Amino acid sequence: MKVVVIGGTGHIDYALNGIKKNPTTLKLYGFASAVPGDMPDVKAKKMSLEFNVKKFGDWREMLDVLQPDVAVIATRFDMNGIISLECLKRGINCFTEKTIAHSLKLLNEIKQAAKDNNVKIIGMHGMRYTSEFFAAYEAFQSGAIGEAVMLYGRKSYYFDSNRPGFYRQRETYGGTILWVAVHALDWFYWFGGDVSEIYATQTTKGNKGYGECEAATAISVHFCNNSVGTISADFLRAKNTSGHGDDQLRIAGDEGVIEVKYGKAILESHKSKPQELKLQPEGDFFGDFCRSLYGEGKCRLSMEDTFRVSEMALIARDSADTNQLIKT
């Protein structure tokens, strides 16, 4: 399959690592910047050397010349959905940084373009492919803690002045719910199913002078199956703490609890002693997506999952902006 990259930010390594893992079936043919600052020189040089490809001066020209099968899109956040829509209209499958659209209107246009042109798009919700989260998912699916009753998710990052300037404006950043909390909303949808109500709140307090960027958000959800859940997402992680971020998930069921934290998955069941779940090697997210396009195997994330999680994130942001409970 012929792959191109547009932008060099965010979780682009999901795709680059997938290409390396599948050298006989996936090949990078070119890459391009979409807006100034989205393709660091270090990243561009590394891609040129590792994959022996050139950087195009214009992403549209690259699509015209190469006519790729898959576009990997990870530019400034507000542009990801716009470029994805253009690619879908050209009949190109998309592997796009989340959240894939910054408005419900654009999300609906993306849905229609995918349908009209018989192509697929998924967001980079790659935490489904981390070893500890997948171990927790398998244990939950096996019935180890019975039926889920309450879920709690936490995402926390360190924040400093090295963050790009576009974080300062909602128009270009999109909001911390769309960039950070959406990870936990994906966990909730994956483990708990669809939701019927969302209420969210947020604050710019503590954002190191970054204008409209929210430093902390909190989301409460009611699931369609009558379970409940809460999410906290923030940029308040201590500077000297080890690791990139703090990713935690707790699923409390009527027969026990599963917790994911500090890179481990722990099961506490009424039927057995607490145990640390065995972790398998991390999966091949991008490779699975590409194979699924031809009906070969299954990706842990579907296009329909992407659409619904994106919609949930946009609804949560609307709830925080309007201070209203929203039925979904």
Protein backbone atom coordinates (compact mmCIF):
# COMPACT_ATOMS: atom_id res chain seq x y z
CA MET A 1 0.00 0.00 0.00
CA LYS A 2 1.16 3.47 -0.88
CA VAL A 3 1.34 5.72 2.21
CA VAL A 4 1.95 9.46 2.54
CA VAL A 5 2.33 11.65 5.63
CA ILE A 6 0.90 15.15 6.05
CA GLY A 7 2.30 16.93 9.10
CA GLY A 8 4.78 15.58 11.60
CA THR A 9 3.22 16.16 15.02
CA GLY A 10 1.22 14.23 17.59
CA HIS A 11 1.10 10.45 17.32
CA ILE A 12 2.62 10.10 13.86
CA ASP A 13 4.95 7.35 15.09
CA TYR A 14 2.03 4.92 15.20
CA ALA A 15 2.15 5.01 11.41
CA LEU A 16 5.93 5.18 10.95
CA ASN A 17 6.46 2.21 13.27
CA GLY A 18 3.73 0.31 11.46
CA ILE A 19 5.45 0.85 8.11
CA LYS A 20 8.70 -0.47 9.56
CA LYS A 21 6.93 -3.56 10.88
CA ASN A 22 5.36 -4.32 7.50
CA PRO A 23 8.05 -3.58 4.88
CA THR A 24 6.61 -5.96 2.27
CA THR A 25 3.08 -4.52 2.33
CA LEU A 26 3.42 -0.87 3.40
CA LYS A 27 5.68 1.79 1.94
CA LEU A 28 6.06 5.51 2.61
CA TYR A 29 6.21 7.36 -0.71
CA GLY A 30 6.35 10.97 0.42
CA PHE A 31 5.58 13.51 3.12
CA ALA A 32 4.65 17.17 3.32
CA SER A 33 3.92 19.97 5.71
CA ALA A 34 0.45 21.50 5.84
CA VAL A 35 1.06 24.62 7.95
CA PRO A 36 4.25 26.30 9.21
CA GLY A 37 5.73 24.53 12.21
CA ASP A 38 3.99 21.18 11.81
CA MET A 39 7.04 19.36 10.41
CA PRO A 40 10.08 19.80 12.67
CA ASP A 41 13.40 19.64 10.80
CA VAL A 42 14.52 16.70 12.92
CA LYS A 43 11.40 14.71 12.03
CA ALA A 44 11.68 15.56 8.31
CA LYS A 45 15.34 14.57 8.17
CA LYS A 46 14.64 11.32 9.99
CA MET A 47 11.84 10.35 7.61
CA SER A 48 13.96 11.19 4.57
CA LEU A 49 16.84 9.03 5.79
CA GLU A 50 14.86 6.10 7.20
CA PHE A 51 12.41 5.73 4.32
CA ASN A 52 14.41 7.20 1.42
CA VAL A 53 11.63 9.57 0.39
CA LYS A 54 11.45 13.28 -0.33
CA LYS A 55 9.49 16.08 1.27
CA PHE A 56 6.98 17.71 -1.05
CA GLY A 57 6.51 21.46 -0.95
CA ASP A 58 2.71 21.20 -1.07
CA TRP A 59 0.52 18.42 0.32
CA ARG A 60 -2.09 18.75 -2.42
CA GLU A 61 0.61 18.39 -5.08
CA MET A 62 1.84 15.27 -3.28
CA LEU A 63 -1.66 13.76 -3.43
CA ASP A 64 -1.94 14.66 -7.13
CA VAL A 65 1.42 13.11 -8.00
CA LEU A 66 1.43 10.01 -5.79
CA GLN A 67 -2.28 9.13 -5.56
CA PRO A 68 -1.76 7.24 -2.30
CA ASP A 69 -3.88 4.52 -0.73
CA VAL A 70 -3.55 5.92 2.78
CA ALA A 71 -2.83 9.41 4.11
CA VAL A 72 -1.44 9.81 7.63
CA ILE A 73 -2.58 13.23 8.84
CA ALA A 74 -1.07 14.89 11.93
CA THR A 75 -0.73 18.62 11.43
CA ARG A 76 -2.01 21.58 13.48
CA PHE A 77 -5.09 20.29 15.22
CA ASP A 78 -7.69 22.46 13.50
CA MET A 79 -6.43 21.38 10.06
CA ASN A 80 -6.58 17.61 10.56
CA GLY A 81 -10.27 17.29 9.80
CA ILE A 82 -10.15 19.72 6.87
CA ILE A 83 -7.33 17.80 5.19
CA SER A 84 -8.96 14.45 5.99
CA LEU A 85 -12.12 15.59 4.24
CA GLU A 86 -10.12 16.52 1.14
CA CYS A 87 -8.38 13.14 1.14
CA LEU A 88 -11.62 11.21 1.56
CA LYS A 89 -13.18 13.09 -1.35
CA ARG A 90 -10.19 11.96 -3.43
CA GLY A 91 -10.80 8.32 -2.47
CA ILE A 92 -7.87 8.14 -0.02
CA ASN A 93 -8.17 6.29 3.29
CA CYS A 94 -7.15 8.35 6.33
CA PHE A 95 -5.26 7.66 9.54
CA THR A 96 -5.86 10.94 11.33
CA GLU A 97 -4.78 12.53 14.59
CA LYS A 98 -7.64 12.71 17.08
CA THR A 99 -10.04 14.37 17.51
CA ILE A 100 -10.61 13.98 13.76
CA ALA A 101 -12.93 17.02 13.47
CA HIS A 102 -13.30 20.18 15.53
CA SER A 103 -17.01 20.67 14.84
CA LEU A 104 -20.03 18.42 14.48
CA LYS A 105 -20.66 19.94 11.05
CA LEU A 106 -17.22 18.90 9.78
CA LEU A 107 -17.56 15.48 11.40
CA ASN A 108 -20.82 14.91 9.51
CA GLU A 109 -19.16 16.00 6.25
CA ILE A 110 -16.34 13.51 6.91
CA LYS A 111 -18.85 10.72 7.53
CA GLN A 112 -20.62 11.47 4.25
CA ALA A 113 -17.39 11.70 2.25
CA ALA A 114 -16.20 8.33 3.58
CA LYS A 115 -19.52 6.76 2.62
CA ASP A 116 -19.73 8.41 -0.81
CA ASN A 117 -16.20 7.38 -1.79
CA ASN A 118 -16.11 3.96 -0.13
CA VAL A 119 -13.04 4.75 1.96
CA LYS A 120 -12.22 4.58 5.68
CA ILE A 121 -10.93 6.95 8.32
CA ILE A 122 -9.89 6.24 11.90
CA GLY A 123 -8.47 8.47 14.61
CA MET A 124 -5.16 7.84 16.35
CA HIS A 125 -6.74 6.37 19.50
CA GLY A 126 -3.72 4.15 19.90
CA MET A 127 -4.04 3.44 23.60
CA ARG A 128 -6.22 0.49 22.68
CA TYR A 129 -2.95 -1.00 21.45
CA THR A 130 -0.89 -0.48 24.61
CA SER A 131 -0.16 -3.70 26.47
CA GLU A 132 -1.69 -2.75 29.82
CA PHE A 133 -4.95 -1.37 28.42
CA PHE A 134 -5.47 -4.36 26.16
CA ALA A 135 -4.76 -6.78 29.02
CA ALA A 136 -7.42 -4.99 31.07
CA TYR A 137 -9.84 -5.15 28.15
CA GLU A 138 -9.35 -8.89 27.66
CA ALA A 139 -9.86 -9.52 31.38
CA PHE A 140 -13.01 -7.41 31.39
CA GLN A 141 -14.37 -9.16 28.29
CA SER A 142 -13.76 -12.52 29.97
CA GLY A 143 -16.19 -11.54 32.73
CA ALA A 144 -13.52 -11.26 35.43
CA ILE A 145 -15.33 -8.44 37.25
CA GLY A 146 -18.86 -9.06 36.05
CA GLU A 147 -20.83 -6.14 34.67
CA ALA A 148 -19.28 -2.68 34.80
CA VAL A 149 -21.02 -0.30 37.19
CA MET A 150 -18.63 2.65 37.43
CA LEU A 151 -15.66 3.80 35.35
CA TYR A 152 -13.02 6.39 36.16
CA GLY A 153 -10.42 7.70 33.71
CA ARG A 154 -7.51 10.04 34.25
CA LYS A 155 -5.16 11.79 31.83
CA SER A 156 -2.53 14.20 33.11
CA TYR A 157 0.40 15.86 31.34
CA TYR A 158 3.12 18.32 32.26
CA PHE A 159 2.72 21.70 30.56
CA ASP A 160 5.30 24.41 29.92
CA SER A 161 6.13 27.19 27.47
CA ASN A 162 7.47 24.67 24.94
CA ARG A 163 3.91 23.92 23.84
CA PRO A 164 3.19 25.42 20.39
CA GLY A 165 1.64 28.86 20.28
CA PHE A 166 -1.53 27.58 18.59
CA TYR A 167 -2.57 26.08 21.97
CA ARG A 168 -3.44 29.65 23.03
CA GLN A 169 -6.47 29.93 20.73
CA ARG A 170 -9.53 27.69 20.80
CA GLU A 171 -9.89 28.16 17.04
CA THR A 172 -6.59 26.39 16.35
CA TYR A 173 -6.24 24.19 19.45
CA GLY A 174 -9.79 22.91 19.69
CA GLY A 175 -9.80 22.51 23.45
CA THR A 176 -8.28 20.20 26.04
CA ILE A 177 -11.32 17.93 25.92
CA LEU A 178 -10.63 17.26 22.23
CA TRP A 179 -6.89 16.81 22.68
CA VAL A 180 -6.51 15.10 26.08
CA ALA A 181 -9.83 13.95 27.57
CA VAL A 182 -10.79 12.25 24.30
CA HIS A 183 -8.36 9.43 25.16
CA ALA A 184 -10.42 8.58 28.23
CA LEU A 185 -13.70 8.96 26.34
CA ASP A 186 -12.35 6.33 23.94
CA TRP A 187 -11.62 4.01 26.88
CA PHE A 188 -15.14 4.55 28.18
CA TYR A 189 -16.72 3.72 24.83
CA TRP A 190 -14.45 0.68 24.43
CA PHE A 191 -15.17 -0.76 27.88
CA GLY A 192 -18.57 0.64 28.81
CA GLY A 193 -20.40 1.13 25.53
CA ASP A 194 -22.43 4.10 24.38
CA VAL A 195 -23.49 6.99 26.60
CA SER A 196 -26.83 8.72 27.00
CA GLU A 197 -25.83 11.89 28.90
CA ILE A 198 -22.69 14.00 29.25
CA TYR A 199 -21.91 16.88 31.56
CA ALA A 200 -18.50 18.57 31.49
CA THR A 201 -16.72 21.51 33.03
CA GLN A 202 -13.32 23.14 32.44
CA THR A 203 -11.00 25.93 33.53
CA THR A 204 -8.09 27.92 32.13
CA LYS A 205 -6.73 28.46 35.64
CA GLY A 206 -3.13 27.21 35.84
CA ASN A 207 -2.50 27.27 32.08
CA LYS A 208 0.85 29.11 32.34
CA GLY A 209 -0.50 32.11 30.45
CA TYR A 210 -1.67 30.10 27.43
CA GLY A 211 -4.77 32.17 26.75
CA GLU A 212 -7.82 30.05 25.97
CA CYS A 213 -6.15 26.69 26.64
CA GLU A 214 -7.93 24.78 29.41
CA ALA A 215 -5.55 23.47 32.08
CA ALA A 216 -8.13 21.13 33.60
CA THR A 217 -11.37 19.46 32.57
CA ALA A 218 -13.84 17.11 34.26
CA ILE A 219 -16.49 15.01 32.53
CA SER A 220 -19.36 13.00 33.96
CA VAL A 221 -21.20 10.48 31.79
CA HIS A 222 -24.23 8.23 32.13
CA PHE A 223 -24.02 5.10 30.00
CA CYS A 224 -26.93 3.67 28.06
CA ASN A 225 -26.70 0.50 30.19
CA ASN A 226 -27.16 2.62 33.37
CA SER A 227 -23.48 2.55 34.41
CA VAL A 228 -21.81 5.84 35.36
CA GLY A 229 -18.37 7.32 34.77
CA THR A 230 -16.12 10.28 35.50
CA ILE A 231 -13.04 11.60 33.69
CA SER A 232 -10.40 14.10 34.72
CA ALA A 233 -7.94 15.49 32.19
CA ASP A 234 -5.36 18.16 32.91
CA PHE A 235 -2.00 19.78 32.19
CA LEU A 236 -1.01 19.84 35.88
CA ARG A 237 1.39 16.91 36.12
CA ALA A 238 4.47 17.71 38.21
CA LYS A 239 7.52 18.71 36.19
CA ASN A 240 9.93 16.27 37.80
CA THR A 241 7.64 13.25 37.61
CA SER A 242 8.99 10.43 35.47
CA GLY A 243 7.17 9.47 32.30
CA HIS A 244 5.36 11.42 29.62
CA GLY A 245 1.92 11.30 31.17
CA ASP A 246 -0.29 9.78 33.82
CA ASP A 247 -2.84 7.45 32.21
CA GLN A 248 -5.21 5.68 34.57
CA LEU A 249 -8.42 3.71 34.18
CA ARG A 250 -10.56 2.02 36.83
CA ILE A 251 -13.47 -0.24 35.95
CA ALA A 252 -15.53 -1.22 38.99
CA GLY A 253 -17.91 -4.11 38.39
CA ASP A 254 -20.34 -6.05 40.51
CA GLU A 255 -17.74 -8.84 40.85
CA GLY A 256 -14.51 -6.87 41.27
CA VAL A 257 -12.27 -4.11 39.96
CA ILE A 258 -9.71 -3.74 37.16
CA GLU A 259 -7.23 -0.86 37.34
CA VAL A 260 -4.72 0.34 34.78
CA LYS A 261 -2.01 2.61 36.15
CA TYR A 262 1.75 3.11 36.01
CA GLY A 263 2.04 0.76 33.03
CA LYS A 264 0.36 -2.15 34.79
CA ALA A 265 -3.07 -3.79 34.75
CA ILE A 266 -4.31 -5.11 38.09
CA LEU A 267 -7.31 -7.35 38.76
CA GLU A 268 -9.02 -7.41 42.16
CA SER A 269 -11.85 -9.95 42.06
CA HIS A 270 -14.28 -11.33 44.65
CA LYS A 271 -13.28 -14.77 43.39
CA SER A 272 -9.48 -14.59 43.66
CA LYS A 273 -6.58 -12.74 45.22
CA PRO A 274 -5.39 -9.46 43.64
CA GLN A 275 -3.16 -10.15 40.65
CA GLU A 276 -1.14 -8.24 38.09
CA LEU A 277 -2.30 -9.22 34.63
CA LYS A 278 0.19 -10.63 32.16
CA LEU A 279 1.07 -8.18 29.40
CA GLN A 280 1.55 -9.11 25.76
CA PRO A 281 3.78 -7.13 23.36
CA GLU A 282 2.24 -3.92 22.05
CA GLY A 283 0.08 -4.44 18.98
CA ASP A 284 0.51 -3.10 15.44
CA PHE A 285 -2.10 -0.33 15.24
CA PHE A 286 -1.36 1.09 11.80
CA GLY A 287 -0.64 -2.31 10.29
CA ASP A 288 -3.95 -3.66 11.55
CA PHE A 289 -5.81 -0.67 10.13
CA CYS A 290 -4.23 -1.10 6.70
CA ARG A 291 -4.88 -4.84 6.67
CA SER A 292 -8.50 -4.25 7.67
CA LEU A 293 -9.00 -2.14 4.55
CA TYR A 294 -8.71 -5.35 2.56
CA GLY A 295 -10.67 -7.49 4.99
CA GLU A 296 -7.53 -9.10 6.40
CA GLY A 297 -7.94 -9.26 10.15
CA LYS A 298 -9.53 -6.65 12.39
CA CYS A 299 -8.39 -3.36 13.85
CA ARG A 300 -9.21 -2.77 17.54
CA LEU A 301 -10.64 0.58 16.50
CA SER A 302 -13.27 0.90 13.76
CA MET A 303 -14.36 3.90 11.74
CA GLU A 304 -17.69 3.78 13.56
CA ASP A 305 -15.85 3.85 16.92
CA THR A 306 -13.91 6.89 15.73
CA PHE A 307 -17.06 8.72 14.68
CA ARG A 308 -18.87 8.09 17.96
CA VAL A 309 -15.92 8.91 20.23
CA SER A 310 -15.30 12.10 18.25
CA GLU A 311 -18.96 13.01 18.62
CA MET A 312 -18.82 12.36 22.37
CA ALA A 313 -15.79 14.63 22.71
CA LEU A 314 -17.47 17.42 20.76
CA ILE A 315 -20.62 17.08 22.87
CA ALA A 316 -18.53 17.16 26.06
CA ARG A 317 -16.82 20.35 24.89
CA ASP A 318 -20.20 21.90 24.12
CA SER A 319 -21.39 20.91 27.58
CA ALA A 320 -18.39 22.58 29.22
CA ASP A 321 -18.79 25.69 27.07
CA THR A 322 -22.50 26.06 27.88
CA ASN A 323 -22.55 24.60 31.42
CA GLN A 324 -25.37 22.26 30.44
CA LEU A 325 -26.08 18.54 30.69
CA ILE A 326 -26.46 17.22 27.14
CA LYS A 327 -28.37 14.09 26.14
CA THR A 328 -26.47 12.35 23.36
